[in-house]
PDB file of N, CA and C in Angstrom:
ATOM      1  N   MET A   1       0.825  -1.251  -0.176  1.00  0.00           N
ATOM      2  CA  MET A   1      -0.099  -0.038  -0.168  1.00  0.00           C
ATOM      3  C   MET A   1       0.559   1.076  -0.227  1.00  0.00           C
ATOM      4  N   ILE A   2       0.237   2.305  -0.442  1.00  0.00           N
ATOM      5  CA  ILE A   2       1.049   3.547  -0.639  1.00  0.00           C
ATOM      6  C   ILE A   2       0.189   4.770  -0.519  1.00  0.00           C
ATOM      7  N   HIS A   3       0.658   5.940   0.497  1.00  0.00           N
ATOM      8  CA  HIS A   3      -0.034   6.722   0.953  1.00  0.00           C
ATOM      9  C   HIS A   3       0.317   7.916  -0.362  1.00  0.00           C
ATOM     10  N   VAL A   4      -0.683   8.412  -0.443  1.00  0.00           N
ATOM     11  CA  VAL A   4      -0.446   9.945  -1.128  1.00  0.00           C
ATOM     12  C   VAL A   4      -1.018  11.022  -0.677  1.00  0.00           C
ATOM     13  N   ILE A   5      -0.364  12.129  -0.479  1.00  0.00           N
ATOM     14  CA  ILE A   5      -0.603  13.671  -0.176  1.00  0.00           C
ATOM     15  C   ILE A   5      -0.529  14.498  -1.241  1.00  0.00           C
ATOM     16  N   ALA A   6      -1.697  15.220  -1.722  1.00  0.00           N
ATOM     17  CA  ALA A   6      -1.482  15.980  -2.805  1.00  0.00           C
ATOM     18  C   ALA A   6      -2.203  17.264  -2.269  1.00  0.00           C
ATOM     19  N   THR A   7      -1.165  17.750  -1.970  1.00  0.00           N
ATOM     20  CA  THR A   7      -1.352  19.446  -1.847  1.00  0.00           C
ATOM     21  C   THR A   7      -1.892  20.316  -3.220  1.00  0.00           C
ATOM     22  N   ILE A   8      -3.285  21.217  -3.391  1.00  0.00           N
ATOM     23  CA  ILE A   8      -3.300  21.717  -4.419  1.00  0.00           C
ATOM     24  C   ILE A   8      -3.324  23.600  -4.078  1.00  0.00           C
ATOM     25  N   GLU A   9      -2.276  24.170  -4.796  1.00  0.00           N
ATOM     26  CA  GLU A   9      -2.468  25.200  -4.161  1.00  0.00           C
ATOM     27  C   GLU A   9      -3.364  26.289  -5.460  1.00  0.00           C
ATOM     28  N   LEU A  10      -4.281  27.170  -5.202  1.00  0.00           N
ATOM     29  CA  LEU A  10      -5.269  27.572  -5.751  1.00  0.00           C
ATOM     30  C   LEU A  10      -5.061  28.936  -6.026  1.00  0.00           C
ATOM     31  N   VAL A  11      -5.867  29.526  -7.053  1.00  0.00           N
ATOM     32  CA  VAL A  11      -5.896  30.909  -7.378  1.00  0.00           C
ATOM     33  C   VAL A  11      -6.589  31.357  -6.518  1.00  0.00           C
ATOM     34  N   PRO A  12      -6.328  32.400  -5.389  1.00  0.00           N
ATOM     35  CA  PRO A  12      -7.034  32.933  -4.177  1.00  0.00           C
ATOM     36  C   PRO A  12      -8.290  33.106  -4.698  1.00  0.00           C
ATOM     37  N   GLY A  13      -9.478  32.788  -4.009  1.00  0.00           N
ATOM     38  CA  GLY A  13     -10.803  32.704  -3.816  1.00  0.00           C
ATOM     39  C   GLY A  13     -11.431  31.964  -4.402  1.00  0.00           C
ATOM     40  N   ALA A  14     -10.535  30.642  -5.290  1.00  0.00           N
ATOM     41  CA  ALA A  14     -11.385  29.598  -6.365  1.00  0.00           C
ATOM     42  C   ALA A  14     -11.372  28.076  -5.402  1.00  0.00           C
ATOM     43  N   LYS A  15     -11.358  28.497  -4.127  1.00  0.00           N
ATOM     44  CA  LYS A  15     -11.342  27.166  -3.333  1.00  0.00           C
ATOM     45  C   LYS A  15     -13.203  26.452  -3.805  1.00  0.00           C
ATOM     46  N   GLU A  16     -13.846  27.258  -3.434  1.00  0.00           N
ATOM     47  CA  GLU A  16     -15.124  26.685  -3.411  1.00  0.00           C
ATOM     48  C   GLU A  16     -15.398  26.221  -4.766  1.00  0.00           C
ATOM     49  N   ALA A  17     -14.856  27.143  -5.877  1.00  0.00           N
ATOM     50  CA  ALA A  17     -15.184  26.730  -7.370  1.00  0.00           C
ATOM     51  C   ALA A  17     -14.591  25.323  -7.478  1.00  0.00           C
ATOM     52  N   TYR A  18     -13.596  25.185  -7.179  1.00  0.00           N
ATOM     53  CA  TYR A  18     -12.474  24.003  -7.517  1.00  0.00           C
ATOM     54  C   TYR A  18     -13.325  22.775  -6.353  1.00  0.00           C
ATOM     55  N   LEU A  19     -13.647  22.991  -5.247  1.00  0.00           N
ATOM     56  CA  LEU A  19     -14.234  21.643  -4.517  1.00  0.00           C
ATOM     57  C   LEU A  19     -15.342  21.262  -5.339  1.00  0.00           C
ATOM     58  N   ALA A  20     -16.055  22.410  -6.021  1.00  0.00           N
ATOM     59  CA  ALA A  20     -17.365  21.735  -6.634  1.00  0.00           C
ATOM     60  C   ALA A  20     -16.914  20.868  -7.708  1.00  0.00           C
ATOM     61  N   VAL A  21     -16.033  21.353  -8.450  1.00  0.00           N
ATOM     62  CA  VAL A  21     -15.473  20.354  -9.554  1.00  0.00           C
ATOM     63  C   VAL A  21     -15.081  18.938  -9.123  1.00  0.00           C
ATOM     64  N   PHE A  22     -14.267  19.048  -7.909  1.00  0.00           N
ATOM     65  CA  PHE A  22     -13.565  17.815  -7.337  1.00  0.00           C
ATOM     66  C   PHE A  22     -14.437  17.058  -6.939  1.00  0.00           C
ATOM     67  N   ARG A  23     -15.579  17.220  -5.924  1.00  0.00           N
ATOM     68  CA  ARG A  23     -16.732  16.741  -5.594  1.00  0.00           C
ATOM     69  C   ARG A  23     -17.354  15.583  -6.463  1.00  0.00           C
ATOM     70  N   LYS A  24     -17.256  16.089  -7.739  1.00  0.00           N
ATOM     71  CA  LYS A  24     -17.809  15.329  -8.617  1.00  0.00           C
ATOM     72  C   LYS A  24     -17.480  14.491  -9.249  1.00  0.00           C
ATOM     73  N   LEU A  25     -15.800  14.167  -8.979  1.00  0.00           N
ATOM     74  CA  LEU A  25     -15.005  12.909  -9.130  1.00  0.00           C
ATOM     75  C   LEU A  25     -14.401  12.226  -8.601  1.00  0.00           C
ATOM     76  N   ILE A  26     -14.885  12.289  -7.230  1.00  0.00           N
ATOM     77  CA  ILE A  26     -14.586  11.390  -5.877  1.00  0.00           C
ATOM     78  C   ILE A  26     -15.255  10.112  -6.312  1.00  0.00           C
ATOM     79  N   ALA A  27     -16.234  10.026  -6.424  1.00  0.00           N
ATOM     80  CA  ALA A  27     -16.997   8.325  -6.784  1.00  0.00           C
ATOM     81  C   ALA A  27     -16.460   7.396  -7.763  1.00  0.00           C
ATOM     82  N   ASP A  28     -15.852   8.286  -8.852  1.00  0.00           N
ATOM     83  CA  ASP A  28     -15.205   7.610  -9.942  1.00  0.00           C
ATOM     84  C   ASP A  28     -13.668   7.049  -9.501  1.00  0.00           C
ATOM     85  N   VAL A  29     -13.359   7.836  -9.001  1.00  0.00           N
ATOM     86  CA  VAL A  29     -11.814   7.541  -8.325  1.00  0.00           C
ATOM     87  C   VAL A  29     -11.965   6.477  -7.504  1.00  0.00           C
ATOM     88  N   ARG A  30     -13.030   6.756  -6.510  1.00  0.00           N
ATOM     89  CA  ARG A  30     -13.085   5.564  -5.324  1.00  0.00           C
ATOM     90  C   ARG A  30     -13.507   4.078  -5.829  1.00  0.00           C
ATOM     91  N   ALA A  31     -14.163   4.105  -6.948  1.00  0.00           N
ATOM     92  CA  ALA A  31     -14.081   3.003  -8.127  1.00  0.00           C
ATOM     93  C   ALA A  31     -13.356   2.418  -8.831  1.00  0.00           C
ATOM     94  N   GLU A  32     -12.042   2.998  -8.881  1.00  0.00           N
ATOM     95  CA  GLU A  32     -11.202   2.435  -9.579  1.00  0.00           C
ATOM     96  C   GLU A  32     -10.411   1.507  -8.941  1.00  0.00           C
ATOM     97  N   PRO A  33      -9.702   0.627  -9.961  1.00  0.00           N
ATOM     98  CA  PRO A  33      -9.164  -0.744  -9.245  1.00  0.00           C
ATOM     99  C   PRO A  33      -8.089  -0.209  -8.375  1.00  0.00           C
ATOM    100  N   GLY A  34      -7.847  -0.817  -6.897  1.00  0.00           N
ATOM    101  CA  GLY A  34      -6.529  -0.236  -6.352  1.00  0.00           C
ATOM    102  C   GLY A  34      -6.877   0.711  -5.324  1.00  0.00           C
ATOM    103  N   CYS A  35      -7.764   1.485  -5.371  1.00  0.00           N
ATOM    104  CA  CYS A  35      -8.302   2.761  -4.737  1.00  0.00           C
ATOM    105  C   CYS A  35      -9.075   2.318  -3.474  1.00  0.00           C
ATOM    106  N   ILE A  36      -7.935   2.745  -2.380  1.00  0.00           N
ATOM    107  CA  ILE A  36      -8.990   2.500  -0.710  1.00  0.00           C
ATOM    108  C   ILE A  36      -9.135   3.702  -0.115  1.00  0.00           C
ATOM    109  N   GLU A  37      -8.634   4.775  -0.707  1.00  0.00           N
ATOM    110  CA  GLU A  37      -9.088   6.140   0.063  1.00  0.00           C
ATOM    111  C   GLU A  37      -9.022   6.967  -1.078  1.00  0.00           C
ATOM    112  N   TYR A  38      -9.893   8.159  -1.170  1.00  0.00           N
ATOM    113  CA  TYR A  38      -9.528   9.131  -1.838  1.00  0.00           C
ATOM    114  C   TYR A  38     -10.891  10.179  -1.414  1.00  0.00           C
ATOM    115  N   GLY A  39     -10.127  11.386  -1.076  1.00  0.00           N
ATOM    116  CA  GLY A  39     -10.905  12.653  -0.757  1.00  0.00           C
ATOM    117  C   GLY A  39     -10.076  13.330  -0.312  1.00  0.00           C
ATOM    118  N   PRO A  40     -10.766  15.199  -0.526  1.00  0.00           N
ATOM    119  CA  PRO A  40     -10.160  16.545  -0.577  1.00  0.00           C
ATOM    120  C   PRO A  40     -10.421  16.569   1.416  1.00  0.00           C
ATOM    121  N   ALA A  41      -9.693  17.413   1.566  1.00  0.00           N
ATOM    122  CA  ALA A  41      -9.412  18.035   2.953  1.00  0.00           C
ATOM    123  C   ALA A  41      -8.726  19.428   3.124  1.00  0.00           C
ATOM    124  N   ILE A  42      -9.606  20.184   4.093  1.00  0.00           N
ATOM    125  CA  ILE A  42      -9.129  21.663   4.457  1.00  0.00           C
ATOM    126  C   ILE A  42      -8.687  21.822   5.843  1.00  0.00           C
ATOM    127  N   ASP A  43      -8.446  23.002   6.225  1.00  0.00           N
ATOM    128  CA  ASP A  43      -8.056  23.367   7.432  1.00  0.00           C
ATOM    129  C   ASP A  43      -9.158  23.015   8.307  1.00  0.00           C
ATOM    130  N   ALA A  44      -8.828  22.273   9.605  1.00  0.00           N
ATOM    131  CA  ALA A  44      -9.954  22.457  10.487  1.00  0.00           C
ATOM    132  C   ALA A  44      -9.853  23.535  11.747  1.00  0.00           C
ATOM    133  N   GLU A  45     -10.948  23.912  12.075  1.00  0.00           N
ATOM    134  CA  GLU A  45     -10.818  24.954  12.712  1.00  0.00           C
ATOM    135  C   GLU A  45     -10.569  24.487  14.564  1.00  0.00           C
ATOM    136  N   THR A  46      -9.747  24.596  14.710  1.00  0.00           N
ATOM    137  CA  THR A  46      -9.210  23.855  16.466  1.00  0.00           C
ATOM    138  C   THR A  46      -9.027  25.035  17.101  1.00  0.00           C
ATOM    139  N   ASP A  47      -8.851  24.422  18.415  1.00  0.00           N
ATOM    140  CA  ASP A  47      -7.933  25.446  19.300  1.00  0.00           C
ATOM    141  C   ASP A  47      -6.340  24.598  19.694  1.00  0.00           C
ATOM    142  N   LEU A  48      -6.094  23.835  19.167  1.00  0.00           N
ATOM    143  CA  LEU A  48      -4.545  23.316  19.122  1.00  0.00           C
ATOM    144  C   LEU A  48      -3.641  24.253  18.801  1.00  0.00           C
ATOM    145  N   ALA A  49      -2.798  24.396  19.740  1.00  0.00           N
ATOM    146  CA  ALA A  49      -1.403  25.386  19.523  1.00  0.00           C
ATOM    147  C   ALA A  49      -0.704  24.857  18.533  1.00  0.00           C
ATOM    148  N   ASN A  50      -0.539  23.929  18.597  1.00  0.00           N
ATOM    149  CA  ASN A  50       0.732  23.468  17.265  1.00  0.00           C
ATOM    150  C   ASN A  50       0.169  22.907  15.905  1.00  0.00           C
ATOM    151  N   GLN A  51      -0.861  23.326  15.693  1.00  0.00           N
ATOM    152  CA  GLN A  51      -1.228  23.197  14.682  1.00  0.00           C
ATOM    153  C   GLN A  51      -1.247  23.600  13.372  1.00  0.00           C
ATOM    154  N   ALA A  52      -0.637  23.415  12.070  1.00  0.00           N
ATOM    155  CA  ALA A  52       0.094  24.004  11.055  1.00  0.00           C
ATOM    156  C   ALA A  52      -1.159  23.838  10.361  1.00  0.00           C
ATOM    157  N   LYS A  53      -1.355  25.290   9.654  1.00  0.00           N
ATOM    158  CA  LYS A  53      -2.609  25.210   8.676  1.00  0.00           C
ATOM    159  C   LYS A  53      -2.166  25.237   7.241  1.00  0.00           C
ATOM    160  N   VAL A  54      -2.716  24.421   6.293  1.00  0.00           N
ATOM    161  CA  VAL A  54      -2.336  24.726   4.612  1.00  0.00           C
ATOM    162  C   VAL A  54      -2.929  25.829   4.623  1.00  0.00           C
ATOM    163  N   GLY A  55      -3.824  26.957   4.908  1.00  0.00           N
ATOM    164  CA  GLY A  55      -3.936  28.120   4.283  1.00  0.00           C
ATOM    165  C   GLY A  55      -5.584  27.987   3.727  1.00  0.00           C
ATOM    166  N   PRO A  56      -6.263  29.011   3.553  1.00  0.00           N
ATOM    167  CA  PRO A  56      -7.391  29.551   2.496  1.00  0.00           C
ATOM    168  C   PRO A  56      -6.923  29.255   0.798  1.00  0.00           C
ATOM    169  N   ASP A  57      -6.265  29.155   0.581  1.00  0.00           N
ATOM    170  CA  ASP A  57      -6.001  28.588  -0.800  1.00  0.00           C
ATOM    171  C   ASP A  57      -5.419  27.643  -1.395  1.00  0.00           C
ATOM    172  N   LYS A  58      -5.757  26.445  -0.472  1.00  0.00           N
ATOM    173  CA  LYS A  58      -5.084  25.143  -0.676  1.00  0.00           C
ATOM    174  C   LYS A  58      -6.159  24.094  -0.282  1.00  0.00           C
ATOM    175  N   VAL A  59      -5.969  23.112  -0.705  1.00  0.00           N
ATOM    176  CA  VAL A  59      -6.945  21.744  -0.508  1.00  0.00           C
ATOM    177  C   VAL A  59      -5.691  20.738  -0.439  1.00  0.00           C
ATOM    178  N   VAL A  60      -6.111  19.673   0.532  1.00  0.00           N
ATOM    179  CA  VAL A  60      -5.184  18.474   0.520  1.00  0.00           C
ATOM    180  C   VAL A  60      -5.850  17.566   0.217  1.00  0.00           C
ATOM    181  N   VAL A  61      -5.412  16.477  -0.982  1.00  0.00           N
ATOM    182  CA  VAL A  61      -6.017  15.643  -1.469  1.00  0.00           C
ATOM    183  C   VAL A  61      -5.541  14.023  -0.116  1.00  0.00           C
ATOM    184  N   VAL A  62      -6.107  13.468   0.262  1.00  0.00           N
ATOM    185  CA  VAL A  62      -5.585  12.469   1.103  1.00  0.00           C
ATOM    186  C   VAL A  62      -5.879  11.056   0.113  1.00  0.00           C
ATOM    187  N   GLU A  63      -5.093  10.040  -0.111  1.00  0.00           N
ATOM    188  CA  GLU A  63      -5.394   8.908  -1.012  1.00  0.00           C
ATOM    189  C   GLU A  63      -4.376   7.792  -0.294  1.00  0.00           C
ATOM    190  N   LYS A  64      -4.865   6.864  -0.476  1.00  0.00           N
ATOM    191  CA  LYS A  64      -4.363   5.609  -0.031  1.00  0.00           C
ATOM    192  C   LYS A  64      -4.664   4.203  -1.436  1.00  0.00           C
ATOM    193  N   TRP A  65      -3.514   3.835  -2.080  1.00  0.00           N
ATOM    194  CA  TRP A  65      -3.892   2.927  -2.947  1.00  0.00           C
ATOM    195  C   TRP A  65      -3.011   1.710  -3.138  1.00  0.00           C
ATOM    196  N   GLU A  66      -3.458   0.459  -3.405  1.00  0.00           N
ATOM    197  CA  GLU A  66      -2.869  -0.902  -3.245  1.00  0.00           C
ATOM    198  C   GLU A  66      -1.386  -0.782  -3.670  1.00  0.00           C
ATOM    199  N   ASP A  67      -0.903   0.074  -4.625  1.00  0.00           N
ATOM    200  CA  ASP A  67       0.102   0.056  -5.091  1.00  0.00           C
ATOM    201  C   ASP A  67       0.492   0.904  -6.408  1.00  0.00           C
ATOM    202  N   LEU A  68       1.773   1.236  -6.610  1.00  0.00           N
ATOM    203  CA  LEU A  68       2.185   2.239  -7.482  1.00  0.00           C
ATOM    204  C   LEU A  68       1.427   2.460  -8.872  1.00  0.00           C
ATOM    205  N   ALA A  69       1.433   0.929  -8.894  1.00  0.00           N
ATOM    206  CA  ALA A  69       0.767   0.880 -10.148  1.00  0.00           C
ATOM    207  C   ALA A  69      -0.808   1.347 -10.448  1.00  0.00           C
ATOM    208  N   ALA A  70      -1.569   1.130  -9.528  1.00  0.00           N
ATOM    209  CA  ALA A  70      -2.966   1.584  -9.557  1.00  0.00           C
ATOM    210  C   ALA A  70      -2.803   3.123  -9.602  1.00  0.00           C
ATOM    211  N   LEU A  71      -1.590   3.901  -8.804  1.00  0.00           N
ATOM    212  CA  LEU A  71      -2.009   5.038  -8.876  1.00  0.00           C
ATOM    213  C   LEU A  71      -1.407   5.739 -10.178  1.00  0.00           C
ATOM    214  N   LYS A  72      -0.449   4.684 -10.884  1.00  0.00           N
ATOM    215  CA  LYS A  72      -0.163   5.297 -12.003  1.00  0.00           C
ATOM    216  C   LYS A  72      -1.547   4.835 -12.928  1.00  0.00           C
ATOM    217  N   ALA A  73      -1.966   4.355 -13.300  1.00  0.00           N
ATOM    218  CA  ALA A  73      -3.149   4.181 -13.336  1.00  0.00           C
ATOM    219  C   ALA A  73      -4.259   5.162 -13.556  1.00  0.00           C
ATOM    220  N   HIS A  74      -4.135   5.222 -12.247  1.00  0.00           N
ATOM    221  CA  HIS A  74      -5.381   6.347 -11.859  1.00  0.00           C
ATOM    222  C   HIS A  74      -4.781   7.806 -12.706  1.00  0.00           C
ATOM    223  N   SER A  75      -3.728   8.111 -12.653  1.00  0.00           N
ATOM    224  CA  SER A  75      -3.296   9.648 -13.080  1.00  0.00           C
ATOM    225  C   SER A  75      -3.573   9.556 -14.510  1.00  0.00           C
ATOM    226  N   VAL A  76      -4.124   8.536 -15.246  1.00  0.00           N
ATOM    227  CA  VAL A  76      -4.312   8.201 -17.153  1.00  0.00           C
ATOM    228  C   VAL A  76      -5.830   8.250 -16.989  1.00  0.00           C
ATOM    229  N   THR A  77      -6.555   8.209 -16.414  1.00  0.00           N
ATOM    230  CA  THR A  77      -7.883   7.829 -16.564  1.00  0.00           C
ATOM    231  C   THR A  77      -8.887   8.849 -17.075  1.00  0.00           C
ATOM    232  N   PRO A  78      -9.860   8.531 -18.126  1.00  0.00           N
ATOM    233  CA  PRO A  78     -10.221   9.434 -18.815  1.00  0.00           C
ATOM    234  C   PRO A  78     -11.397  10.855 -17.506  1.00  0.00           C
ATOM    235  N   HIS A  79     -11.571  10.258 -16.553  1.00  0.00           N
ATOM    236  CA  HIS A  79     -12.214  11.346 -15.774  1.00  0.00           C
ATOM    237  C   HIS A  79     -11.083  12.479 -14.994  1.00  0.00           C
ATOM    238  N   MET A  80      -9.598  11.448 -14.767  1.00  0.00           N
ATOM    239  CA  MET A  80      -8.721  12.467 -14.472  1.00  0.00           C
ATOM    240  C   MET A  80      -8.289  13.615 -15.278  1.00  0.00           C
ATOM    241  N   GLN A  81      -8.193  12.837 -16.607  1.00  0.00           N
ATOM    242  CA  GLN A  81      -7.762  13.861 -17.713  1.00  0.00           C
ATOM    243  C   GLN A  81      -8.417  15.255 -17.828  1.00  0.00           C
ATOM    244  N   ALA A  82     -10.070  14.542 -17.743  1.00  0.00           N
ATOM    245  CA  ALA A  82     -11.354  15.563 -17.570  1.00  0.00           C
ATOM    246  C   ALA A  82     -11.230  16.732 -16.406  1.00  0.00           C
ATOM    247  N   TYR A  83     -10.873  16.158 -15.355  1.00  0.00           N
ATOM    248  CA  TYR A  83     -10.783  16.907 -14.393  1.00  0.00           C
ATOM    249  C   TYR A  83      -9.625  17.892 -14.571  1.00  0.00           C
ATOM    250  N   ARG A  84      -8.733  17.585 -15.064  1.00  0.00           N
ATOM    251  CA  ARG A  84      -7.537  18.735 -14.800  1.00  0.00           C
ATOM    252  C   ARG A  84      -7.860  19.489 -16.068  1.00  0.00           C
ATOM    253  N   ILE A  85      -8.483  19.457 -16.870  1.00  0.00           N
ATOM    254  CA  ILE A  85      -9.255  20.722 -17.802  1.00  0.00           C
ATOM    255  C   ILE A  85      -9.936  21.567 -17.181  1.00  0.00           C
ATOM    256  N   ASN A  86     -11.048  20.758 -16.362  1.00  0.00           N
ATOM    257  CA  ASN A  86     -12.231  21.751 -15.711  1.00  0.00           C
ATOM    258  C   ASN A  86     -11.707  22.503 -14.635  1.00  0.00           C
ATOM    259  N   VAL A  87     -10.370  22.079 -13.809  1.00  0.00           N
ATOM    260  CA  VAL A  87      -9.603  22.929 -12.952  1.00  0.00           C
ATOM    261  C   VAL A  87      -8.728  24.023 -13.217  1.00  0.00           C
ATOM    262  N   LYS A  88      -8.026  23.791 -14.458  1.00  0.00           N
ATOM    263  CA  LYS A  88      -6.810  24.488 -14.584  1.00  0.00           C
ATOM    264  C   LYS A  88      -7.011  25.806 -14.693  1.00  0.00           C
ATOM    265  N   ASP A  89      -8.148  26.368 -14.264  1.00  0.00           N
ATOM    266  CA  ASP A  89      -8.306  28.055 -14.274  1.00  0.00           C
ATOM    267  C   ASP A  89      -8.286  28.234 -12.799  1.00  0.00           C
ATOM    268  N   PHE A  90      -8.135  27.352 -12.053  1.00  0.00           N
ATOM    269  CA  PHE A  90      -8.378  27.516 -10.519  1.00  0.00           C
ATOM    270  C   PHE A  90      -6.999  26.905  -9.844  1.00  0.00           C
ATOM    271  N   VAL A  91      -5.816  26.006 -10.559  1.00  0.00           N
ATOM    272  CA  VAL A  91      -5.008  25.564 -10.192  1.00  0.00           C
ATOM    273  C   VAL A  91      -3.360  26.140  -9.973  1.00  0.00           C
ATOM    274  N   ILE A  92      -2.533  26.662  -9.511  1.00  0.00           N
ATOM    275  CA  ILE A  92      -1.464  27.462  -9.148  1.00  0.00           C
ATOM    276  C   ILE A  92      -0.550  26.250  -9.341  1.00  0.00           C
ATOM    277  N   GLY A  93      -0.669  25.222  -8.607  1.00  0.00           N
ATOM    278  CA  GLY A  93       0.428  24.093  -8.616  1.00  0.00           C
ATOM    279  C   GLY A  93      -0.159  22.889  -7.470  1.00  0.00           C
ATOM    280  N   VAL A  94       0.647  21.876  -7.484  1.00  0.00           N
ATOM    281  CA  VAL A  94       0.123  20.501  -6.833  1.00  0.00           C
ATOM    282  C   VAL A  94       1.742  20.048  -6.370  1.00  0.00           C
ATOM    283  N   ASN A  95       1.855  19.765  -5.225  1.00  0.00           N
ATOM    284  CA  ASN A  95       2.749  19.252  -4.624  1.00  0.00           C
ATOM    285  C   ASN A  95       2.250  17.802  -4.241  1.00  0.00           C
ATOM    286  N   LEU A  96       3.113  16.744  -4.687  1.00  0.00           N
ATOM    287  CA  LEU A  96       2.683  15.672  -4.365  1.00  0.00           C
ATOM    288  C   LEU A  96       3.755  14.656  -3.522  1.00  0.00           C
ATOM    289  N   LEU A  97       3.074  13.989  -2.096  1.00  0.00           N
ATOM    290  CA  LEU A  97       4.037  13.301  -1.769  1.00  0.00           C
ATOM    291  C   LEU A  97       3.489  11.704  -1.579  1.00  0.00           C
ATOM    292  N   VAL A  98       4.396  11.103  -2.114  1.00  0.00           N
ATOM    293  CA  VAL A  98       4.100   9.477  -2.267  1.00  0.00           C
ATOM    294  C   VAL A  98       4.746   8.575  -1.086  1.00  0.00           C
ATOM    295  N   LEU A  99       3.880   7.861  -0.177  1.00  0.00           N
ATOM    296  CA  LEU A  99       4.714   7.694   0.818  1.00  0.00           C
ATOM    297  C   LEU A  99       4.251   6.035   1.207  1.00  0.00           C
ATOM    298  N   ASP A 100       5.358   5.322   1.873  1.00  0.00           N
ATOM    299  CA  ASP A 100       5.326   3.903   2.514  1.00  0.00           C
ATOM    300  C   ASP A 100       5.340   3.985   3.471  1.00  0.00           C
ATOM    301  N   PRO A 101       4.105   3.256   3.907  1.00  0.00           N
ATOM    302  CA  PRO A 101       3.897   3.038   5.636  1.00  0.00           C
ATOM    303  C   PRO A 101       5.163   2.309   5.757  1.00  0.00           C
ATOM    304  N   ALA A 102       5.496   2.827   7.154  1.00  0.00           N
ATOM    305  CA  ALA A 102       6.853   2.690   7.995  1.00  0.00           C
ATOM    306  C   ALA A 102       6.479   1.501   9.248  1.00  0.00           C
ATOM    307  N   GLU A 103       5.419   0.760   8.997  1.00  0.00           N
ATOM    308  CA  GLU A 103       5.098  -0.084   9.927  1.00  0.00           C
ATOM    309  C   GLU A 103       6.110  -1.206   9.866  1.00  0.00           C
TER     310      GLU A 103
END
Protein backbone atom coordinates (compact mmCIF):
# COMPACT_ATOMS: atom_id res chain seq x y z
CA MET A 1 0.00 0.00 0.00
CA ILE A 2 1.09 3.57 -0.62
CA HIS A 3 -0.12 6.84 0.81
CA VAL A 4 -0.44 9.96 -1.31
CA ILE A 5 -0.79 13.50 0.01
CA ALA A 6 -1.44 15.98 -2.78
CA THR A 7 -1.51 19.66 -1.82
CA ILE A 8 -3.31 21.73 -4.44
CA GLU A 9 -2.45 25.44 -4.46
CA LEU A 10 -5.34 27.48 -5.82
CA VAL A 11 -5.89 30.91 -7.26
CA PRO A 12 -6.99 33.11 -4.32
CA GLY A 13 -10.75 32.83 -3.81
CA ALA A 14 -11.19 29.77 -6.06
CA LYS A 15 -11.49 27.09 -3.36
CA GLU A 16 -15.28 26.62 -3.45
CA ALA A 17 -15.39 26.51 -7.26
CA TYR A 18 -12.51 24.03 -7.29
CA LEU A 19 -14.17 21.81 -4.68
CA ALA A 20 -17.44 21.80 -6.64
CA VAL A 21 -15.58 20.27 -9.60
CA PHE A 22 -13.51 17.95 -7.41
CA ARG A 23 -16.53 16.52 -5.58
CA LYS A 24 -17.95 15.29 -8.91
CA LEU A 25 -14.76 13.24 -9.39
CA ILE A 26 -14.69 11.38 -6.08
CA ALA A 27 -17.06 8.49 -6.87
CA ASP A 28 -15.25 7.69 -10.13
CA VAL A 29 -11.86 7.63 -8.42
CA ARG A 30 -13.06 5.53 -5.48
CA ALA A 31 -14.39 2.98 -8.01
CA GLU A 32 -10.97 2.58 -9.62
CA PRO A 33 -9.09 -0.71 -9.10
CA GLY A 34 -6.60 -0.30 -6.27
CA CYS A 35 -8.16 2.79 -4.68
CA ILE A 36 -8.45 2.40 -0.92
CA GLU A 37 -9.12 6.01 0.08
CA TYR A 38 -9.56 9.28 -1.80
CA GLY A 39 -10.91 12.62 -0.66
CA PRO A 40 -10.27 16.33 -0.24
CA ALA A 41 -9.50 18.01 3.08
CA ILE A 42 -9.18 21.61 4.24
CA ASP A 43 -8.00 23.21 7.46
CA ALA A 44 -9.99 22.23 10.54
CA GLU A 45 -10.80 25.00 12.98
CA THR A 46 -9.35 23.88 16.31
CA ASP A 47 -7.79 25.39 19.40
CA LEU A 48 -4.64 23.27 19.12
CA ALA A 49 -1.60 25.48 19.67
CA ASN A 50 0.70 23.40 17.49
CA GLN A 51 -1.64 23.00 14.52
CA ALA A 52 -0.05 23.90 11.20
CA LYS A 53 -2.49 25.13 8.58
CA VAL A 54 -2.34 24.78 4.82
CA GLY A 55 -4.15 28.08 4.32
CA PRO A 56 -7.32 29.37 2.68
CA ASP A 57 -6.17 28.77 -0.89
CA LYS A 58 -5.07 25.16 -0.64
CA VAL A 59 -6.83 21.80 -0.64
CA VAL A 60 -5.12 18.61 0.50
CA VAL A 61 -6.15 15.36 -1.18
CA VAL A 62 -5.59 12.31 1.04
CA GLU A 63 -5.23 9.08 -0.90
CA LYS A 64 -4.35 5.44 -0.32
CA TRP A 65 -3.62 3.03 -3.17
CA GLU A 66 -2.87 -0.67 -3.23
CA ASP A 67 0.38 -0.03 -5.11
CA LEU A 68 2.23 2.34 -7.40
CA ALA A 69 0.76 0.68 -10.50
CA ALA A 70 -2.77 1.59 -9.33
CA LEU A 71 -1.70 5.20 -8.73
CA LYS A 72 -0.11 5.43 -12.17
CA ALA A 73 -3.24 3.96 -13.80
CA HIS A 74 -5.35 6.50 -11.89
CA SER A 75 -3.37 9.42 -13.27
CA VAL A 76 -4.28 8.60 -16.90
CA THR A 77 -7.96 7.73 -16.54
CA PRO A 78 -10.40 9.71 -18.71
CA HIS A 79 -12.06 11.25 -15.63
CA MET A 80 -8.69 12.54 -14.34
CA GLN A 81 -7.85 13.98 -17.75
CA ALA A 82 -11.23 15.76 -17.82
CA TYR A 83 -10.75 16.94 -14.21
CA ARG A 84 -7.41 18.59 -15.08
CA ILE A 85 -9.05 20.49 -17.93
CA ASN A 86 -12.00 21.52 -15.72
CA VAL A 87 -9.81 22.92 -12.91
CA LYS A 88 -6.95 24.43 -14.94
CA ASP A 89 -8.16 27.99 -14.27
CA PHE A 90 -8.26 27.37 -10.50
CA VAL A 91 -4.96 25.56 -9.90
CA ILE A 92 -1.59 27.27 -9.50
CA GLY A 93 0.36 24.13 -8.64
CA VAL A 94 0.41 20.68 -7.07
CA ASN A 95 2.83 19.26 -4.48
CA LEU A 96 2.70 15.46 -4.43
CA LEU A 97 4.00 13.27 -1.60
CA VAL A 98 4.03 9.51 -2.24
CA LEU A 99 4.81 7.58 0.94
CA ASP A 100 5.31 4.00 2.06
CA PRO A 101 3.89 2.95 5.43
CA ALA A 102 6.72 2.69 7.96
CA GLU A 103 5.16 -0.08 10.02
